Amino acid sequence: MDEIEEQYEKPVGCLGFAVGLLSFIPGLGLAFGFIGLVWGIKTNNILLKGTVILSLVLNIIGLSFMYYKSYIEVDGEWDAVREQIAKKNMYTLVPLIEAHKQKTHFYPKSLKVIAYKLPETKRAIVFDATQWTSRSNMELDLNKDDLILHYEVIGAQEGFHLRAKGRDGTLNTDDDVLIGAVSGTGFVHDY
C-alpha cells in the first residue's frame, strides 16, 4: 500500500509554491530554486518541479548574460561605466595629491602613499576601474600595481600626470582614459 501512495503527488501547500516563486529572483533565486527542486522531488510534485526547473534555467541564462555584458563584451555599456568611475577617481585624487604636496613639499612617490592615508573604505579610488575585467580578480590589493591608476611625477616636482590604462591594460594606447585640466594644481593632462 505504501508503494502505491508514493507514486502520487503529495500537496506542497502555499509555502512550497512561495519557494517556487522566490526562485525566480535573479541570483538569489538559485538558492530557493535548489530548495524548491529538492522539495518537489521529495513530494513528487510535477508543478513545483517544473516551476523550479524553469526558474533555474532562466536564472542561469540571465546571470550568464549579465556576466558577458559586464566583463567580456568589448566597448559595451559597462566599459563606459568603468571609464566614468576611473575619471571620477582621478578627479578625486588630484586634490589629494596636491594636499600631500602642500604638506610635504613633494608629490607622493606613488598612489599607495595616498591610499594608506585614507580610511580602508576609501582606498578604492587609487584603482584603475578600467582594469576590472574578467582577467582580474577584482580584489583591491595595493600590491597589484597593474590594477592601480598610472601616476607619474613630471620632472623635478614640476607636476604630475594621472591616467587609466584602459581595457587593454597597456599604457599610452588609444583606450587610455584621461581627464581634463584641473586649474590651480600641478596636474598635467596633455602629457
C-alpha atoms as a PDB file:
ATOM      1  CA  MET A   1       0.000   0.000   0.000  1.00  0.00           C
ATOM      2  CA  ASP A   2       2.879   2.424   0.762  1.00  0.00           C
ATOM      3  CA  GLU A   3       4.347   1.876  -2.692  1.00  0.00           C
ATOM      4  CA  ILE A   4       1.089   2.947  -4.331  1.00  0.00           C
ATOM      5  CA  GLU A   5       0.910   6.168  -2.229  1.00  0.00           C
ATOM      6  CA  GLU A   6       4.493   7.133  -3.189  1.00  0.00           C
ATOM      7  CA  GLN A   7       3.523   7.279  -6.865  1.00  0.00           C
ATOM      8  CA  TYR A   8       1.030  10.096  -6.303  1.00  0.00           C
ATOM      9  CA  GLU A   9       1.828  13.750  -5.785  1.00  0.00           C
ATOM     10  CA  LYS A  10       1.834  14.983  -2.241  1.00  0.00           C
ATOM     11  CA  PRO A  11       0.497  18.501  -1.661  1.00  0.00           C
ATOM     12  CA  VAL A  12       3.202  21.082  -1.001  1.00  0.00           C
ATOM     13  CA  GLY A  13       0.939  23.825   0.258  1.00  0.00           C
ATOM     14  CA  CYS A  14       1.350  27.562  -0.228  1.00  0.00           C
ATOM     15  CA  LEU A  15       4.866  27.614   1.204  1.00  0.00           C
ATOM     16  CA  GLY A  16       6.134  25.252  -1.478  1.00  0.00           C
ATOM     17  CA  PHE A  17       4.810  27.464  -4.242  1.00  0.00           C
ATOM     18  CA  ALA A  18       6.116  30.582  -2.472  1.00  0.00           C
ATOM     19  CA  VAL A  19       9.585  28.996  -2.609  1.00  0.00           C
ATOM     20  CA  GLY A  20       8.923  28.231  -6.276  1.00  0.00           C
ATOM     21  CA  LEU A  21       8.063  31.886  -6.956  1.00  0.00           C
ATOM     22  CA  LEU A  22      11.060  33.132  -4.937  1.00  0.00           C
ATOM     23  CA  SER A  23      13.275  31.004  -7.148  1.00  0.00           C
ATOM     24  CA  PHE A  24      12.624  33.482  -9.991  1.00  0.00           C
ATOM     25  CA  ILE A  25      14.617  36.228  -8.205  1.00  0.00           C
ATOM     26  CA  PRO A  26      17.827  36.707 -10.220  1.00  0.00           C
ATOM     27  CA  GLY A  27      20.866  35.341  -8.391  1.00  0.00           C
ATOM     28  CA  LEU A  28      19.237  34.796  -5.008  1.00  0.00           C
ATOM     29  CA  GLY A  29      16.650  32.597  -6.682  1.00  0.00           C
ATOM     30  CA  LEU A  30      19.255  29.920  -7.324  1.00  0.00           C
ATOM     31  CA  ALA A  31      19.250  29.027  -3.615  1.00  0.00           C
ATOM     32  CA  PHE A  32      15.452  28.993  -3.472  1.00  0.00           C
ATOM     33  CA  GLY A  33      15.422  27.033  -6.726  1.00  0.00           C
ATOM     34  CA  PHE A  34      17.532  24.215  -5.354  1.00  0.00           C
ATOM     35  CA  ILE A  35      15.435  24.109  -2.165  1.00  0.00           C
ATOM     36  CA  GLY A  36      12.280  24.012  -4.251  1.00  0.00           C
ATOM     37  CA  LEU A  37      13.695  21.328  -6.532  1.00  0.00           C
ATOM     38  CA  VAL A  38      14.522  19.062  -3.596  1.00  0.00           C
ATOM     39  CA  TRP A  39      11.070  19.765  -2.142  1.00  0.00           C
ATOM     40  CA  GLY A  40       9.421  18.974  -5.475  1.00  0.00           C
ATOM     41  CA  ILE A  41      11.354  15.718  -5.846  1.00  0.00           C
ATOM     42  CA  LYS A  42      10.584  14.654  -2.266  1.00  0.00           C
ATOM     43  CA  THR A  43       6.880  15.370  -2.656  1.00  0.00           C
ATOM     44  CA  ASN A  44       6.823  14.173  -6.279  1.00  0.00           C
ATOM     45  CA  ASN A  45       5.012  17.384  -7.253  1.00  0.00           C
ATOM     46  CA  ILE A  46       5.378  17.906 -11.003  1.00  0.00           C
ATOM     47  CA  LEU A  47       4.126  21.513 -10.971  1.00  0.00           C
ATOM     48  CA  LEU A  48       6.657  22.568  -8.319  1.00  0.00           C
ATOM     49  CA  LYS A  49       9.494  20.706 -10.073  1.00  0.00           C
ATOM     50  CA  GLY A  50       8.586  22.289 -13.423  1.00  0.00           C
ATOM     51  CA  THR A  51       8.328  25.793 -11.965  1.00  0.00           C
ATOM     52  CA  VAL A  52      11.653  25.494 -10.192  1.00  0.00           C
ATOM     53  CA  ILE A  53      13.466  23.967 -13.179  1.00  0.00           C
ATOM     54  CA  LEU A  54      12.175  26.811 -15.381  1.00  0.00           C
ATOM     55  CA  SER A  55      13.371  29.398 -12.841  1.00  0.00           C
ATOM     56  CA  LEU A  56      16.795  27.761 -12.553  1.00  0.00           C
ATOM     57  CA  VAL A  57      17.224  27.746 -16.345  1.00  0.00           C
ATOM     58  CA  LEU A  58      16.148  31.403 -16.585  1.00  0.00           C
ATOM     59  CA  ASN A  59      18.461  32.338 -13.690  1.00  0.00           C
ATOM     60  CA  ILE A  60      21.450  30.654 -15.308  1.00  0.00           C
ATOM     61  CA  ILE A  61      20.724  32.272 -18.677  1.00  0.00           C
ATOM     62  CA  GLY A  62      20.238  35.702 -17.053  1.00  0.00           C
ATOM     63  CA  LEU A  63      23.372  35.502 -14.915  1.00  0.00           C
ATOM     64  CA  SER A  64      25.425  34.304 -17.885  1.00  0.00           C
ATOM     65  CA  PHE A  65      24.151  37.228 -19.943  1.00  0.00           C
ATOM     66  CA  MET A  66      24.972  39.697 -17.148  1.00  0.00           C
ATOM     67  CA  TYR A  67      28.479  38.238 -16.777  1.00  0.00           C
ATOM     68  CA  TYR A  68      29.065  38.532 -20.518  1.00  0.00           C
ATOM     69  CA  LYS A  69      27.816  42.138 -20.654  1.00  0.00           C
ATOM     70  CA  SER A  70      29.826  43.137 -17.572  1.00  0.00           C
ATOM     71  CA  TYR A  71      33.196  41.530 -18.174  1.00  0.00           C
ATOM     72  CA  ILE A  72      33.614  40.058 -21.641  1.00  0.00           C
ATOM     73  CA  GLU A  73      31.853  42.359 -24.099  1.00  0.00           C
ATOM     74  CA  VAL A  74      34.239  44.942 -25.552  1.00  0.00           C
ATOM     75  CA  ASP A  75      33.015  48.543 -25.956  1.00  0.00           C
ATOM     76  CA  GLY A  76      29.747  47.779 -24.208  1.00  0.00           C
ATOM     77  CA  GLU A  77      27.815  49.828 -21.670  1.00  0.00           C
ATOM     78  CA  TRP A  78      29.936  48.568 -18.785  1.00  0.00           C
ATOM     79  CA  ASP A  79      33.160  49.762 -20.402  1.00  0.00           C
ATOM     80  CA  ALA A  80      31.681  53.258 -20.424  1.00  0.00           C
ATOM     81  CA  VAL A  81      30.666  52.878 -16.770  1.00  0.00           C
ATOM     82  CA  ARG A  82      34.179  51.746 -15.814  1.00  0.00           C
ATOM     83  CA  GLU A  83      35.635  54.737 -17.694  1.00  0.00           C
ATOM     84  CA  GLN A  84      33.357  57.114 -15.772  1.00  0.00           C
ATOM     85  CA  ILE A  85      34.382  55.535 -12.466  1.00  0.00           C
ATOM     86  CA  ALA A  86      38.070  55.882 -13.422  1.00  0.00           C
ATOM     87  CA  LYS A  87      37.564  59.570 -14.317  1.00  0.00           C
ATOM     88  CA  LYS A  88      35.723  60.237 -11.067  1.00  0.00           C
ATOM     89  CA  ASN A  89      38.523  58.553  -9.118  1.00  0.00           C
ATOM     90  CA  MET A  90      41.172  60.624 -10.922  1.00  0.00           C
ATOM     91  CA  TYR A  91      39.309  63.897 -10.297  1.00  0.00           C
ATOM     92  CA  THR A  92      39.079  62.893  -6.617  1.00  0.00           C
ATOM     93  CA  LEU A  93      42.790  62.064  -6.448  1.00  0.00           C
ATOM     94  CA  VAL A  94      44.102  65.344  -7.906  1.00  0.00           C
ATOM     95  CA  PRO A  95      43.283  67.474  -4.811  1.00  0.00           C
ATOM     96  CA  LEU A  96      44.546  64.709  -2.502  1.00  0.00           C
ATOM     97  CA  ILE A  97      47.867  64.633  -4.356  1.00  0.00           C
ATOM     98  CA  GLU A  98      48.063  68.438  -4.175  1.00  0.00           C
ATOM     99  CA  ALA A  99      47.303  68.367  -0.436  1.00  0.00           C
ATOM    100  CA  HIS A 100      50.163  65.897   0.025  1.00  0.00           C
ATOM    101  CA  LYS A 101      52.490  68.306  -1.815  1.00  0.00           C
ATOM    102  CA  GLN A 102      51.330  71.217   0.354  1.00  0.00           C
ATOM    103  CA  LYS A 103      52.201  69.265   3.500  1.00  0.00           C
ATOM    104  CA  THR A 104      55.482  67.670   2.417  1.00  0.00           C
ATOM    105  CA  HIS A 105      56.615  69.970  -0.445  1.00  0.00           C
ATOM    106  CA  PHE A 106      56.883  66.877  -2.648  1.00  0.00           C
ATOM    107  CA  TYR A 107      54.461  64.929  -4.753  1.00  0.00           C
ATOM    108  CA  PRO A 108      53.981  61.386  -3.441  1.00  0.00           C
ATOM    109  CA  LYS A 109      56.214  58.724  -4.981  1.00  0.00           C
ATOM    110  CA  SER A 110      53.192  56.522  -5.709  1.00  0.00           C
ATOM    111  CA  LEU A 111      49.448  56.479  -5.226  1.00  0.00           C
ATOM    112  CA  LYS A 112      49.938  53.905  -2.480  1.00  0.00           C
ATOM    113  CA  VAL A 113      51.180  56.753  -0.253  1.00  0.00           C
ATOM    114  CA  ILE A 114      47.810  58.478  -0.706  1.00  0.00           C
ATOM    115  CA  ALA A 115      45.875  55.205  -0.331  1.00  0.00           C
ATOM    116  CA  TYR A 116      47.432  54.298   3.004  1.00  0.00           C
ATOM    117  CA  LYS A 117      46.478  57.717   4.410  1.00  0.00           C
ATOM    118  CA  LEU A 118      42.823  57.119   3.538  1.00  0.00           C
ATOM    119  CA  PRO A 119      40.371  55.027   5.528  1.00  0.00           C
ATOM    120  CA  GLU A 120      40.247  51.478   4.185  1.00  0.00           C
ATOM    121  CA  THR A 121      36.767  52.040   2.765  1.00  0.00           C
ATOM    122  CA  LYS A 122      38.030  54.929   0.582  1.00  0.00           C
ATOM    123  CA  ARG A 123      41.163  53.263  -0.835  1.00  0.00           C
ATOM    124  CA  ALA A 124      39.363  52.083  -3.960  1.00  0.00           C
ATOM    125  CA  ILE A 125      39.898  55.491  -5.601  1.00  0.00           C
ATOM    126  CA  VAL A 126      43.526  54.620  -6.455  1.00  0.00           C
ATOM    127  CA  PHE A 127      42.471  51.593  -8.507  1.00  0.00           C
ATOM    128  CA  ASP A 128      42.011  51.671 -12.252  1.00  0.00           C
ATOM    129  CA  ALA A 129      38.357  50.788 -12.790  1.00  0.00           C
ATOM    130  CA  THR A 130      39.027  50.061 -16.469  1.00  0.00           C
ATOM    131  CA  GLN A 131      41.052  47.034 -15.335  1.00  0.00           C
ATOM    132  CA  TRP A 132      38.074  45.429 -13.557  1.00  0.00           C
ATOM    133  CA  THR A 133      37.505  42.826 -16.223  1.00  0.00           C
ATOM    134  CA  SER A 134      37.296  39.052 -16.156  1.00  0.00           C
ATOM    135  CA  ARG A 135      41.080  38.728 -16.265  1.00  0.00           C
ATOM    136  CA  SER A 136      41.478  40.419 -12.875  1.00  0.00           C
ATOM    137  CA  ASN A 137      40.121  39.021  -9.676  1.00  0.00           C
ATOM    138  CA  MET A 138      38.532  42.318  -8.578  1.00  0.00           C
ATOM    139  CA  GLU A 139      40.372  42.071  -5.289  1.00  0.00           C
ATOM    140  CA  LEU A 140      41.503  45.579  -4.374  1.00  0.00           C
ATOM    141  CA  ASP A 141      45.048  44.701  -3.395  1.00  0.00           C
ATOM    142  CA  LEU A 142      47.526  47.584  -3.211  1.00  0.00           C
ATOM    143  CA  ASN A 143      50.336  45.145  -4.018  1.00  0.00           C
ATOM    144  CA  LYS A 144      48.935  44.621  -7.507  1.00  0.00           C
ATOM    145  CA  ASP A 145      50.453  47.563  -9.376  1.00  0.00           C
ATOM    146  CA  ASP A 146      48.716  46.647 -12.635  1.00  0.00           C
ATOM    147  CA  LEU A 147      45.342  47.431 -11.021  1.00  0.00           C
ATOM    148  CA  ILE A 148      46.381  50.889  -9.761  1.00  0.00           C
ATOM    149  CA  LEU A 149      45.975  54.057 -11.859  1.00  0.00           C
ATOM    150  CA  HIS A 150      49.099  55.194 -13.685  1.00  0.00           C
ATOM    151  CA  TYR A 151      50.691  58.067 -11.762  1.00  0.00           C
ATOM    152  CA  GLU A 152      53.909  59.805 -12.655  1.00  0.00           C
ATOM    153  CA  VAL A 153      55.740  62.821 -11.214  1.00  0.00           C
ATOM    154  CA  ILE A 154      56.983  65.041 -14.034  1.00  0.00           C
ATOM    155  CA  GLY A 155      60.479  66.490 -13.903  1.00  0.00           C
ATOM    156  CA  ALA A 156      61.824  67.734 -10.597  1.00  0.00           C
ATOM    157  CA  GLN A 157      58.448  68.010  -8.841  1.00  0.00           C
ATOM    158  CA  GLU A 158      57.089  70.310 -11.584  1.00  0.00           C
ATOM    159  CA  GLY A 159      53.807  68.487 -11.834  1.00  0.00           C
ATOM    160  CA  PHE A 160      52.233  65.078 -12.162  1.00  0.00           C
ATOM    161  CA  HIS A 161      50.294  63.002 -14.627  1.00  0.00           C
ATOM    162  CA  LEU A 162      47.467  60.577 -13.954  1.00  0.00           C
ATOM    163  CA  ARG A 163      45.696  58.203 -16.329  1.00  0.00           C
ATOM    164  CA  ALA A 164      43.749  54.954 -16.501  1.00  0.00           C
ATOM    165  CA  LYS A 165      45.320  52.338 -18.766  1.00  0.00           C
ATOM    166  CA  GLY A 166      42.082  51.331 -20.436  1.00  0.00           C
ATOM    167  CA  ARG A 167      40.704  47.885 -21.126  1.00  0.00           C
ATOM    168  CA  ASP A 168      43.897  46.562 -22.761  1.00  0.00           C
ATOM    169  CA  GLY A 169      45.973  47.410 -19.670  1.00  0.00           C
ATOM    170  CA  THR A 170      48.733  48.927 -21.796  1.00  0.00           C
ATOM    171  CA  LEU A 171      49.904  52.456 -21.179  1.00  0.00           C
ATOM    172  CA  ASN A 172      49.838  55.101 -23.951  1.00  0.00           C
ATOM    173  CA  THR A 173      47.324  53.397 -26.227  1.00  0.00           C
ATOM    174  CA  ASP A 174      44.099  54.708 -27.744  1.00  0.00           C
ATOM    175  CA  ASP A 175      41.911  53.293 -24.995  1.00  0.00           C
ATOM    176  CA  ASP A 176      43.680  55.142 -22.143  1.00  0.00           C
ATOM    177  CA  VAL A 177      41.304  57.272 -20.075  1.00  0.00           C
ATOM    178  CA  LEU A 178      42.382  60.853 -19.362  1.00  0.00           C
ATOM    179  CA  ILE A 179      40.745  63.713 -17.518  1.00  0.00           C
ATOM    180  CA  GLY A 180      40.701  67.385 -18.416  1.00  0.00           C
ATOM    181  CA  ALA A 181      42.804  70.121 -16.863  1.00  0.00           C
ATOM    182  CA  VAL A 182      42.287  70.872 -13.180  1.00  0.00           C
ATOM    183  CA  SER A 183      43.079  74.527 -12.524  1.00  0.00           C
ATOM    184  CA  GLY A 184      45.282  75.525  -9.620  1.00  0.00           C
ATOM    185  CA  THR A 185      47.071  72.174  -9.499  1.00  0.00           C
ATOM    186  CA  GLY A 186      50.235  70.635 -10.867  1.00  0.00           C
ATOM    187  CA  PHE A 187      48.194  68.110 -12.815  1.00  0.00           C
ATOM    188  CA  VAL A 188      49.362  67.895 -16.432  1.00  0.00           C
ATOM    189  CA  HIS A 189      46.570  66.469 -18.562  1.00  0.00           C
ATOM    190  CA  ASP A 190      48.134  66.710 -22.044  1.00  0.00           C
ATOM    191  CA  TYR A 191      51.196  64.622 -21.286  1.00  0.00           C
END
